[in-house]
Every structure is written in C-alpha cells, then in structure tokens.
Protein backbone atom coordinates (compact mmCIF):
# COMPACT_ATOMS: atom_id res chain seq x y z
CA MET A 1 0.00 0.00 0.00
CA LYS A 2 2.81 2.43 0.89
CA ALA A 3 4.53 1.74 -2.42
CA PHE A 4 1.24 2.38 -4.27
CA LEU A 5 0.69 5.70 -2.49
CA PHE A 6 4.26 6.79 -3.15
CA THR A 7 3.94 5.94 -6.85
CA THR A 8 0.59 7.80 -7.08
CA LEU A 9 2.06 10.93 -5.48
CA LEU A 10 4.94 10.87 -7.91
CA LEU A 11 2.72 10.39 -10.96
CA ALA A 12 0.06 13.02 -10.16
CA PRO A 13 2.32 16.10 -10.51
CA LEU A 14 3.88 14.66 -13.65
CA SER A 15 0.43 14.35 -15.23
CA ALA A 16 -0.30 17.99 -14.47
CA PHE A 17 3.02 19.07 -15.92
CA GLN A 18 2.48 16.92 -18.98
CA ALA A 19 -0.96 18.47 -19.56
CA ALA A 20 0.52 21.95 -19.34
CA ASP A 21 3.36 21.00 -21.66
CA THR A 22 0.88 19.53 -24.16
CA ALA A 23 -1.15 22.76 -24.26
CA ALA A 24 1.95 24.91 -24.67
CA SER A 25 3.55 22.73 -27.32
CA ARG A 26 0.55 22.09 -29.54
CA ASP A 27 0.50 23.64 -33.02
CA ASP A 28 -2.96 25.10 -33.59
CA ALA A 29 -2.13 26.26 -37.12
CA ALA A 30 -1.38 22.62 -37.97
CA TRP A 31 -4.57 21.52 -36.19
CA LEU A 32 -6.62 23.86 -38.40
CA ARG A 33 -4.89 22.64 -41.56
CA GLU A 34 -5.20 18.95 -40.68
CA LYS A 35 -8.69 18.90 -39.20
CA GLY A 36 -10.36 21.89 -40.80
CA GLN A 37 -11.41 23.55 -44.02
CA MET A 38 -10.28 27.04 -45.00
CA ILE A 39 -13.42 29.10 -45.56
CA PHE A 40 -11.80 32.49 -46.19
CA HIS A 41 -8.41 33.92 -47.15
CA ASP A 42 -7.29 37.46 -47.83
CA ALA A 43 -3.77 38.65 -48.65
CA PHE A 44 -4.97 42.24 -49.33
CA GLU A 45 -3.30 42.43 -52.75
CA ARG A 46 -5.49 45.27 -54.08
CA GLU A 47 -6.39 48.91 -53.46
CA GLU A 48 -9.21 50.05 -51.21
CA ASP A 49 -12.23 51.78 -52.75
CA GLY A 50 -12.73 54.94 -50.72
CA ASN A 51 -13.30 55.30 -46.99
CA LEU A 52 -16.75 53.84 -46.36
CA ALA A 53 -17.91 50.61 -44.71
CA LYS A 54 -17.13 48.24 -47.59
CA ALA A 55 -14.07 50.06 -48.93
CA ILE A 56 -11.62 47.28 -47.98
CA GLY A 57 -13.41 44.87 -50.33
CA ASN A 58 -13.50 41.06 -50.40
CA GLY A 59 -16.45 40.97 -48.01
CA TRP A 60 -14.97 43.07 -45.19
CA ASN A 61 -17.21 45.58 -43.48
CA SER A 62 -16.35 48.40 -41.10
CA ALA A 63 -18.97 49.17 -38.47
CA THR A 64 -17.36 52.54 -37.79
CA ALA A 65 -16.14 53.86 -41.16
CA ASP A 66 -19.40 55.59 -42.11
CA ARG A 67 -19.26 57.66 -38.92
CA VAL A 68 -16.28 59.58 -40.30
CA PRO A 69 -16.38 59.19 -44.10
CA GLN A 70 -13.82 61.98 -44.50
CA ILE A 71 -11.13 60.02 -42.60
CA LYS A 72 -9.34 56.99 -44.01
CA MET A 73 -9.05 54.34 -41.32
CA ALA A 74 -8.15 51.41 -43.59
CA ASP A 75 -5.41 51.73 -46.20
CA LEU A 76 -4.37 48.83 -48.45
CA ASP A 77 -0.70 49.39 -49.21
CA ASP A 78 1.54 46.78 -50.91
CA GLY A 79 -0.55 43.86 -49.65
CA ILE A 80 -0.89 45.21 -46.10
CA LEU A 81 -4.09 46.39 -44.42
CA LYS A 82 -2.95 49.40 -42.43
CA ILE A 83 -5.55 50.33 -39.82
CA ALA A 84 -5.39 53.77 -38.22
CA SER A 85 -8.46 54.29 -36.08
CA ALA A 86 -10.10 57.69 -35.79
CA SER A 87 -11.36 56.64 -32.38
CA LYS A 88 -11.90 60.14 -31.04
CA GLU A 89 -13.69 61.45 -34.12
CA ALA A 90 -15.82 58.30 -34.57
CA GLY A 91 -16.54 57.89 -30.87
CA HIS A 92 -15.47 54.25 -31.17
CA ALA A 93 -12.40 52.21 -32.02
CA ALA A 94 -12.24 50.93 -35.59
CA HIS A 95 -14.36 47.77 -35.84
CA ILE A 96 -13.76 45.68 -38.97
CA HIS A 97 -15.39 42.30 -39.51
CA HIS A 98 -15.90 39.48 -41.99
CA GLU A 99 -18.31 36.57 -42.26
CA ALA A 100 -16.99 33.38 -40.65
CA GLY A 101 -19.40 30.62 -39.62
CA PHE A 102 -18.13 27.77 -37.44
CA THR A 103 -18.48 26.11 -34.05
CA ASP A 104 -14.88 24.93 -33.65
CA GLY A 105 -12.17 26.54 -35.74
CA GLY A 106 -10.33 29.80 -35.81
CA ALA A 107 -8.32 32.46 -37.59
CA VAL A 108 -4.68 32.79 -38.57
CA VAL A 109 -3.53 36.41 -38.79
CA ARG A 110 -0.16 37.92 -39.65
CA PHE A 111 0.08 41.27 -37.85
CA ARG A 112 2.47 43.94 -36.67
CA PHE A 113 2.37 46.88 -34.28
CA PRO A 114 4.09 49.51 -36.46
CA GLY A 115 4.93 51.88 -33.60
CA LEU A 116 3.00 54.80 -35.11
CA SER A 117 0.97 55.53 -31.98
CA LYS A 118 1.25 55.02 -28.26
CA SER A 119 -0.16 51.95 -26.53
CA GLU A 120 -0.97 50.09 -29.74
CA SER A 121 -3.31 47.18 -29.11
CA LEU A 122 -5.34 44.63 -31.05
CA GLN A 123 -8.58 42.94 -30.11
CA LEU A 124 -9.77 40.13 -32.35
CA GLY A 125 -12.41 37.48 -31.99
CA TYR A 126 -15.88 36.26 -32.76
CA VAL A 127 -19.37 37.75 -32.94
CA ASP A 128 -22.91 36.47 -33.50
CA ARG A 129 -25.21 39.42 -34.17
CA GLU A 130 -28.20 37.06 -34.27
CA LEU A 131 -27.66 36.12 -30.63
CA LYS A 132 -30.17 37.72 -28.29
CA GLY A 133 -29.32 38.64 -24.74
CA VAL A 134 -25.71 39.63 -25.47
CA HIS A 135 -24.67 43.20 -26.33
CA ALA A 136 -24.01 43.46 -30.10
CA GLY A 137 -23.50 39.67 -30.21
CA HIS A 138 -20.00 39.89 -28.75
CA LEU A 139 -18.92 36.32 -27.98
CA CYS A 140 -15.21 36.07 -27.17
CA TYR A 141 -11.95 37.85 -27.89
CA GLY A 142 -8.21 37.75 -27.64
CA ILE A 143 -6.69 41.10 -26.68
CA LEU A 144 -3.05 42.02 -27.17
CA SER A 145 -1.79 45.09 -25.33
CA GLN A 146 1.74 46.32 -24.89
CA SER A 147 2.26 44.20 -21.78
CA SER A 148 -0.29 41.37 -21.75
CA ILE A 149 -2.55 38.98 -23.62
CA THR A 150 -6.14 38.50 -22.48
CA LEU A 151 -8.65 35.84 -23.47
CA ILE A 152 -12.21 36.73 -22.49
CA ASP A 153 -15.65 35.16 -22.70
CA HIS A 154 -18.06 38.05 -23.31
CA LYS A 155 -21.12 35.88 -23.98
CA THR A 156 -21.51 34.72 -20.39
CA GLY A 157 -19.52 37.59 -18.91
CA VAL A 158 -19.60 41.34 -19.13
CA MET A 159 -21.50 41.56 -22.45
CA ASN A 160 -24.36 39.34 -21.26
CA LEU A 161 -27.17 41.90 -20.93
CA GLU A 162 -28.23 40.79 -17.45
CA VAL A 163 -24.65 40.76 -16.22
CA LYS A 164 -23.91 44.06 -17.96
CA LYS A 165 -26.92 45.79 -16.38
CA LYS A 166 -26.01 44.54 -12.93
CA ARG A 167 -22.42 45.70 -13.34
CA ASP A 168 -23.44 49.07 -14.82
CA ASP A 169 -25.87 49.67 -11.94
CA TYR A 170 -23.12 49.17 -9.38
CA LEU A 171 -20.75 51.43 -11.32
CA ALA A 172 -23.41 54.13 -11.71
CA ARG A 173 -23.89 54.13 -7.94
CA LYS A 174 -20.10 54.12 -7.51
CA GLU A 175 -20.42 50.99 -5.38
CA LYS A 176 -17.90 48.19 -5.15
CA LEU A 177 -18.92 45.02 -6.95
CA PRO A 178 -19.93 42.20 -4.58
CA ALA A 179 -17.08 39.75 -4.12
CA ASP A 180 -18.95 36.80 -5.65
CA PHE A 181 -20.05 38.86 -8.66
CA GLU A 182 -16.52 40.17 -9.23
CA ALA A 183 -15.14 36.63 -8.90
CA MET A 184 -17.61 35.44 -11.54
CA LEU A 185 -16.50 38.18 -13.94
CA ASN A 186 -12.83 37.39 -13.30
CA SER A 187 -13.46 33.70 -14.03
CA LYS A 188 -14.53 34.70 -17.56
CA LYS A 189 -11.02 35.75 -18.55
CA VAL A 190 -7.36 34.94 -18.27
CA VAL A 191 -4.50 37.44 -18.51
CA VAL A 192 -0.89 36.47 -19.19
CA PRO A 193 2.17 38.71 -19.47
CA TRP A 194 3.56 39.50 -22.90
CA LYS A 195 5.86 42.23 -24.17
CA ALA A 196 4.87 43.81 -27.48
CA ASP A 197 7.38 44.71 -30.17
CA HIS A 198 7.33 46.00 -33.75
CA GLU A 199 8.02 42.72 -35.53
CA TRP A 200 5.68 40.69 -37.73
CA HIS A 201 3.97 37.81 -35.92
CA GLU A 202 1.66 34.97 -36.89
CA LEU A 203 -1.28 34.89 -34.49
CA VAL A 204 -3.67 31.94 -34.24
CA LEU A 205 -6.93 32.28 -32.28
CA VAL A 206 -9.00 29.11 -32.04
CA THR A 207 -12.03 27.81 -30.20
CA GLU A 208 -12.40 24.10 -29.50
CA GLY A 209 -15.39 23.20 -27.34
CA ASP A 210 -15.35 25.45 -24.28
CA GLU A 211 -11.66 26.34 -24.74
CA MET A 212 -10.10 29.29 -26.54
CA ARG A 213 -6.37 29.41 -27.29
CA LEU A 214 -4.10 32.13 -28.64
CA SER A 215 -0.74 31.33 -30.22
CA LEU A 216 2.03 33.56 -31.49
CA ASP A 217 4.61 32.22 -33.92
CA GLY A 218 3.65 28.60 -33.27
CA LYS A 219 3.53 28.70 -29.47
CA VAL A 220 0.35 28.72 -27.36
CA LEU A 221 0.68 31.68 -25.00
CA ALA A 222 -2.81 31.71 -23.49
CA SER A 223 -5.52 29.09 -23.01
CA HIS A 224 -8.82 29.44 -21.15
CA HIS A 225 -11.97 27.38 -20.57
CA SER A 226 -15.36 29.11 -20.33
CA GLU A 227 -18.81 28.09 -21.54
CA GLY A 228 -19.22 31.05 -23.88
CA TYR A 229 -16.41 29.80 -26.13
CA ALA A 230 -18.60 26.82 -27.07
CA HIS A 231 -21.25 29.04 -28.69
CA PRO A 232 -22.43 27.04 -31.74
CA MET A 233 -22.10 29.79 -34.35
CA LYS A 234 -19.22 32.25 -34.66
CA ARG A 235 -20.81 34.19 -37.52
CA TRP A 236 -18.26 37.00 -37.73
CA PHE A 237 -14.54 37.31 -37.26
CA SER A 238 -13.72 40.85 -36.17
CA PHE A 239 -10.91 43.26 -35.39
CA LEU A 240 -11.28 46.06 -32.85
CA VAL A 241 -8.41 48.54 -33.18
CA PRO A 242 -8.25 51.72 -31.05
CA ASN A 243 -5.09 53.08 -32.69
CA THR A 244 -2.72 51.57 -35.31
CA VAL A 245 -2.14 47.98 -36.44
CA TRP A 246 -0.94 46.42 -39.71
CA ILE A 247 -2.48 43.18 -41.00
CA ASP A 248 -0.74 41.24 -43.76
CA ASP A 249 -2.77 38.07 -44.16
CA VAL A 250 -5.97 36.53 -42.74
CA LYS A 251 -7.18 32.93 -43.00
CA ILE A 252 -10.39 31.64 -41.38
CA TRP A 253 -10.76 27.91 -40.79
CA LYS A 254 -13.75 25.76 -39.89
CA VAL A 255 -13.17 22.48 -38.05
CA LYS A 256 -16.88 21.95 -37.36
C-alpha cells in the first residue's frame, strides 16, 4: 500500500506538468490545416475603394467607417491592411469584420504593431449578431496590449445583458462590486504577461469546445476554458483597433 501511495504521489504532478506542456507545445495552425477547411483567405493584394464601410473589399465591413467618411481608417498598401483608427472622431475604435461561420475553428492572422501611436493594441475574436441577450452579439476575444494577452468570454460575462446591467448599476452608484459577482467576472477571462514589439507575428486564435487558445509564432501563449467559447455559431470574425495595427494576411478555418 505504501509503495502504491508513493507511486501515485509521484505520478500526479507529472500528469499535471504533462498536460501543461501539451497545451503549450501544440500547433494550432497545424490543427486547423489537418482537421479543418479554409473558408476564407485574404492577402490584401489590391487597393481600397474609398473610406466607407465596404471600402476594404472582399467581403470586409467596417462598423465605424461611415461615422467619419472623410477620414481613411483602412489603407491597403503593398498587400498590407494598415488600420489607423479615428477613435476620437468616430466615438469608437475601428471595428472591422468578416463573415466566418463555425463552431470549432479559428483564424490565422499575420500582424504587426508599427509603432506609429502610443499603446498600440489589437482585439480580435468572434461575434454572432443574431444572438439575443448579449450586447451586439460579442462572444469572445483575444486582446493584445503592450504588456499582456487576455482571453475573455463576453457571452456569459460582461457583455451578457443581465450581467452588464447589474455591473453598470453598481458602477453608476459608484459601489464596489460584490465579491462573488466580481469573482464570476474574473473567471470569464485569463490574462498572461507578454511584451509587445514592432516585428511581424503569426497569431492563431482558435475555439475548441469550451476552450479558446491564442498562439504567437507557433507557441500557445494563453488558453482558457469558459462556456461562452462553445457558442455554436461564430458568424463574424472581427478586429477592434483603437489606434494603429498592420495586418498582412488573414485565414479563417472551420473544423466543425
């Protein structure tokens, strides 16, 4: 019995380490290629047509461009989509989206922070505008700031209309959120440290069941489980850009 207990204690930590190593070492770009079907690809090898919502072409739509038609927020230059948000003038960060349509799958994006503005960041993820009970259909996102990467479930978190109203009511009264409510909100996201630079990177953002994972240059940097990630229809893939980001290539894959 003692030998059995000793062996069990030795094996349990190893299993945990092995699970962590498996998540970190997996290649989600390869998973998409091997298990999925590419349903969209854009290398941006063209010129934009003006400044309005559909100016980028190839099915892209900007939810904010028509607010400031006199300002160019999306410039196609030598195969690069250069986004420069007129956030102040539009009253909203640049929001650019494309049809997707999958349960499990994801997007592969080549991007760069060009260093043209302070605190450059990139939010990208999935939306279902047909979903009721969630603000603007926001489902889940990966967010890259200058110092961290966040994965967040909006569907069952802060964008759920009931949750949002409760949170907004507390904030309007300038009251502290109850501990259990704040803990619930915190459980809907994970934040990991990351230092931004001005190099090109390949980003992969996938959902598989109730898990979302974000990889950079072939390495999983963040993984999180939350029920909102399992939403059965990611209808849109979207970028939310408050300042400047360059996008070189986008592929959307459907696994199921």
